[in-house]
Structure formats: structure tokens, C-alpha cells
C-alpha atoms as a PDB file:
ATOM      1  CA  MET A   1      69.653 -46.035-102.863  1.00  0.00           C
ATOM      2  CA  PRO A   2      68.930 -43.359-100.185  1.00  0.00           C
ATOM      3  CA  ASN A   3      65.445 -43.024 -98.784  1.00  0.00           C
ATOM      4  CA  ARG A   4      63.872 -40.132-100.718  1.00  0.00           C
ATOM      5  CA  PRO A   5      60.851 -38.129 -99.567  1.00  0.00           C
ATOM      6  CA  SER A   6      57.596 -38.999-101.275  1.00  0.00           C
ATOM      7  CA  PRO A   7      55.981 -36.528-103.687  1.00  0.00           C
ATOM      8  CA  PRO A   8      54.175 -33.712-101.887  1.00  0.00           C
ATOM      9  CA  ASP A   9      50.525 -34.219-101.046  1.00  0.00           C
ATOM     10  CA  PRO A  10      48.195 -31.552-102.532  1.00  0.00           C
ATOM     11  CA  GLU A  11      46.358 -31.519 -99.194  1.00  0.00           C
ATOM     12  CA  LEU A  12      49.585 -30.419 -97.528  1.00  0.00           C
ATOM     13  CA  GLY A  13      49.803 -27.492 -99.944  1.00  0.00           C
ATOM     14  CA  ARG A  14      46.192 -26.543 -99.206  1.00  0.00           C
ATOM     15  CA  LYS A  15      46.876 -26.514 -95.458  1.00  0.00           C
ATOM     16  CA  ILE A  16      49.958 -24.341 -95.953  1.00  0.00           C
ATOM     17  CA  VAL A  17      47.946 -21.807 -97.964  1.00  0.00           C
ATOM     18  CA  GLU A  18      45.174 -21.832 -95.359  1.00  0.00           C
ATOM     19  CA  GLY A  19      47.732 -21.264 -92.599  1.00  0.00           C
ATOM     20  CA  ARG A  20      49.361 -18.432 -94.499  1.00  0.00           C
ATOM     21  CA  GLU A  21      46.002 -16.719 -94.953  1.00  0.00           C
ATOM     22  CA  SER A  22      45.249 -17.119 -91.235  1.00  0.00           C
ATOM     23  CA  ALA A  23      48.655 -15.683 -90.320  1.00  0.00           C
ATOM     24  CA  GLU A  24      47.944 -12.692 -92.564  1.00  0.00           C
ATOM     25  CA  TYR A  25      44.593 -12.219 -90.802  1.00  0.00           C
ATOM     26  CA  LEU A  26      46.400 -12.023 -87.457  1.00  0.00           C
ATOM     27  CA  TRP A  27      48.117  -8.856 -88.695  1.00  0.00           C
ATOM     28  CA  HIS A  28      44.708  -7.190 -88.465  1.00  0.00           C
ATOM     29  CA  VAL A  29      43.392  -8.980 -85.371  1.00  0.00           C
ATOM     30  CA  PRO A  30      46.444 -10.221 -83.419  1.00  0.00           C
ATOM     31  CA  ASP A  31      44.460 -11.282 -80.331  1.00  0.00           C
ATOM     32  CA  ASP A  32      41.965 -13.487 -82.195  1.00  0.00           C
ATOM     33  CA  ALA A  33      42.011 -16.662 -80.085  1.00  0.00           C
ATOM     34  CA  GLY A  34      40.018 -18.642 -82.658  1.00  0.00           C
ATOM     35  CA  THR A  35      42.525 -17.926 -85.421  1.00  0.00           C
ATOM     36  CA  ARG A  36      45.420 -18.746 -83.104  1.00  0.00           C
ATOM     37  CA  THR A  37      43.799 -22.108 -82.283  1.00  0.00           C
ATOM     38  CA  LYS A  38      43.208 -22.757 -85.989  1.00  0.00           C
ATOM     39  CA  LEU A  39      46.876 -21.972 -86.747  1.00  0.00           C
ATOM     40  CA  LYS A  40      48.034 -24.298 -83.973  1.00  0.00           C
ATOM     41  CA  LEU A  41      45.953 -27.168 -85.400  1.00  0.00           C
ATOM     42  CA  LEU A  42      47.112 -26.451 -88.957  1.00  0.00           C
ATOM     43  CA  LEU A  43      50.768 -26.360 -87.933  1.00  0.00           C
ATOM     44  CA  GLU A  44      50.414 -29.644 -86.056  1.00  0.00           C
ATOM     45  CA  GLU A  45      48.767 -31.231 -89.117  1.00  0.00           C
ATOM     46  CA  ILE A  46      51.403 -29.830 -91.491  1.00  0.00           C
ATOM     47  CA  ARG A  47      54.181 -31.077 -89.195  1.00  0.00           C
ATOM     48  CA  GLU A  48      52.659 -34.555 -89.033  1.00  0.00           C
ATOM     49  CA  MET A  49      51.888 -34.798 -92.754  1.00  0.00           C
ATOM     50  CA  SER A  50      55.304 -33.539 -93.848  1.00  0.00           C
ATOM     51  CA  ALA A  51      57.108 -35.878 -91.447  1.00  0.00           C
ATOM     52  CA  LYS A  52      55.147 -38.848 -92.824  1.00  0.00           C
ATOM     53  CA  GLN A  53      56.254 -37.813 -96.315  1.00  0.00           C
ATOM     54  CA  GLY A  54      59.892 -37.940 -95.263  1.00  0.00           C
ATOM     55  CA  ARG A  55      60.449 -34.190 -95.117  1.00  0.00           C
ATOM     56  CA  THR A  56      62.859 -32.957 -92.467  1.00  0.00           C
ATOM     57  CA  GLU A  57      62.913 -29.158 -92.748  1.00  0.00           C
ATOM     58  CA  MET A  58      59.133 -28.662 -92.749  1.00  0.00           C
ATOM     59  CA  PRO A  59      58.424 -30.410 -89.402  1.00  0.00           C
ATOM     60  CA  LYS A  60      61.296 -28.518 -87.778  1.00  0.00           C
ATOM     61  CA  LEU A  61      59.976 -25.205 -89.092  1.00  0.00           C
ATOM     62  CA  CYS A  62      56.464 -26.054 -87.865  1.00  0.00           C
ATOM     63  CA  GLY A  63      57.890 -26.688 -84.384  1.00  0.00           C
ATOM     64  CA  GLU A  64      59.548 -23.274 -84.396  1.00  0.00           C
ATOM     65  CA  MET A  65      56.317 -21.647 -85.543  1.00  0.00           C
ATOM     66  CA  LEU A  66      54.305 -23.427 -82.838  1.00  0.00           C
ATOM     67  CA  THR A  67      56.710 -22.012 -80.265  1.00  0.00           C
ATOM     68  CA  ALA A  68      56.289 -18.521 -81.732  1.00  0.00           C
ATOM     69  CA  LEU A  69      52.506 -18.938 -81.698  1.00  0.00           C
ATOM     70  CA  GLN A  70      52.589 -19.423 -77.913  1.00  0.00           C
ATOM     71  CA  ALA A  71      54.202 -16.023 -77.378  1.00  0.00           C
ATOM     72  CA  SER A  72      52.271 -12.819 -76.844  1.00  0.00           C
ATOM     73  CA  PRO A  73      51.061 -11.246 -80.081  1.00  0.00           C
ATOM     74  CA  THR A  74      53.723  -8.811 -81.225  1.00  0.00           C
ATOM     75  CA  PRO A  75      54.770  -7.590 -84.671  1.00  0.00           C
ATOM     76  CA  GLN A  76      57.895  -9.782 -84.371  1.00  0.00           C
ATOM     77  CA  GLN A  77      55.812 -12.869 -83.605  1.00  0.00           C
ATOM     78  CA  LEU A  78      53.484 -12.148 -86.512  1.00  0.00           C
ATOM     79  CA  ASP A  79      56.521 -11.694 -88.796  1.00  0.00           C
ATOM     80  CA  LEU A  80      57.860 -15.094 -87.706  1.00  0.00           C
ATOM     81  CA  LEU A  81      54.546 -16.775 -88.471  1.00  0.00           C
ATOM     82  CA  HIS A  82      54.097 -15.071 -91.827  1.00  0.00           C
ATOM     83  CA  ASP A  83      57.694 -15.728 -92.895  1.00  0.00           C
ATOM     84  CA  GLY A  84      57.396 -19.310 -91.689  1.00  0.00           C
ATOM     85  CA  PHE A  85      54.372 -19.984 -93.883  1.00  0.00           C
ATOM     86  CA  ASN A  86      56.163 -18.384 -96.835  1.00  0.00           C
ATOM     87  CA  ARG A  87      59.097 -20.765 -96.231  1.00  0.00           C
ATOM     88  CA  LEU A  88      56.741 -23.749 -95.916  1.00  0.00           C
ATOM     89  CA  GLN A  89      55.132 -22.787 -99.211  1.00  0.00           C
ATOM     90  CA  LYS A  90      58.540 -22.521-100.913  1.00  0.00           C
ATOM     91  CA  LEU A  91      59.634 -25.891 -99.500  1.00  0.00           C
ATOM     92  CA  TRP A  92      56.400 -27.493-100.673  1.00  0.00           C
ATOM     93  CA  GLY A  93      56.803 -25.908-104.123  1.00  0.00           C
ATOM     94  CA  ALA A  94      60.391 -27.133-104.359  1.00  0.00           C
ATOM     95  CA  ALA A  95      59.268 -30.648-103.429  1.00  0.00           C
ATOM     96  CA  LYS A  96      56.546 -30.441-106.077  1.00  0.00           C
ATOM     97  CA  THR A  97      59.102 -29.722-108.768  1.00  0.00           C
ATOM     98  CA  GLY A  98      61.439 -32.416-107.485  1.00  0.00           C
ATOM     99  CA  LEU A  99      64.128 -30.074-106.185  1.00  0.00           C
ATOM    100  CA  THR A 100      64.114 -31.632-102.703  1.00  0.00           C
END
């Protein structure tokens, strides 16, 4: 039988929501270094947790978002971060219902 990912950890979902809220905050204060540092730590934690759970798409997406986070704050960068957290939330929700 193939190796299936483990059920999603509720803590992972909490971190995704927290990251999404922080990304939304950056729309109002794009140069906030503290929020950018918080997002970097959250994305690293989400990447590590999701990889340990056997997820493949979530760690890859986190890597892309970490790269975007290093760029200068622009509307495009903020869109990438916000959309990325929306995708993470959808992937986590799909895993919760057993679709992945």
C-alpha cells in the first residue's frame, strides 16, 4: 500500500490562519519588518510540519512564498503571499476532509 500522508495537525491549520492574517496586515504596512520576520518563521514552521506529515505541495509552496518574502514589498509580492496562504488553507482543508 502506498505511503499516505498523515491526517492534518490542527496546529498546522492554526499557523496557516495566523500567517494569512499577517499577510493581510502587510497590505496596510508593507515595510513592517517585525511582521515579515514573523511570516518567515511561520512559513518555515509550516514547511517543516507539513513535510513531516508527508505533504508534498505545502512545503514546495512555502519555499516559493519564502522566496517572495525576500523581495522588496510590492503589490505583486503581497498578492503572492496572500494567495499562497489561501492555497495553503485550501490544501490543509482538503487534507482534513481526506481528499489528499
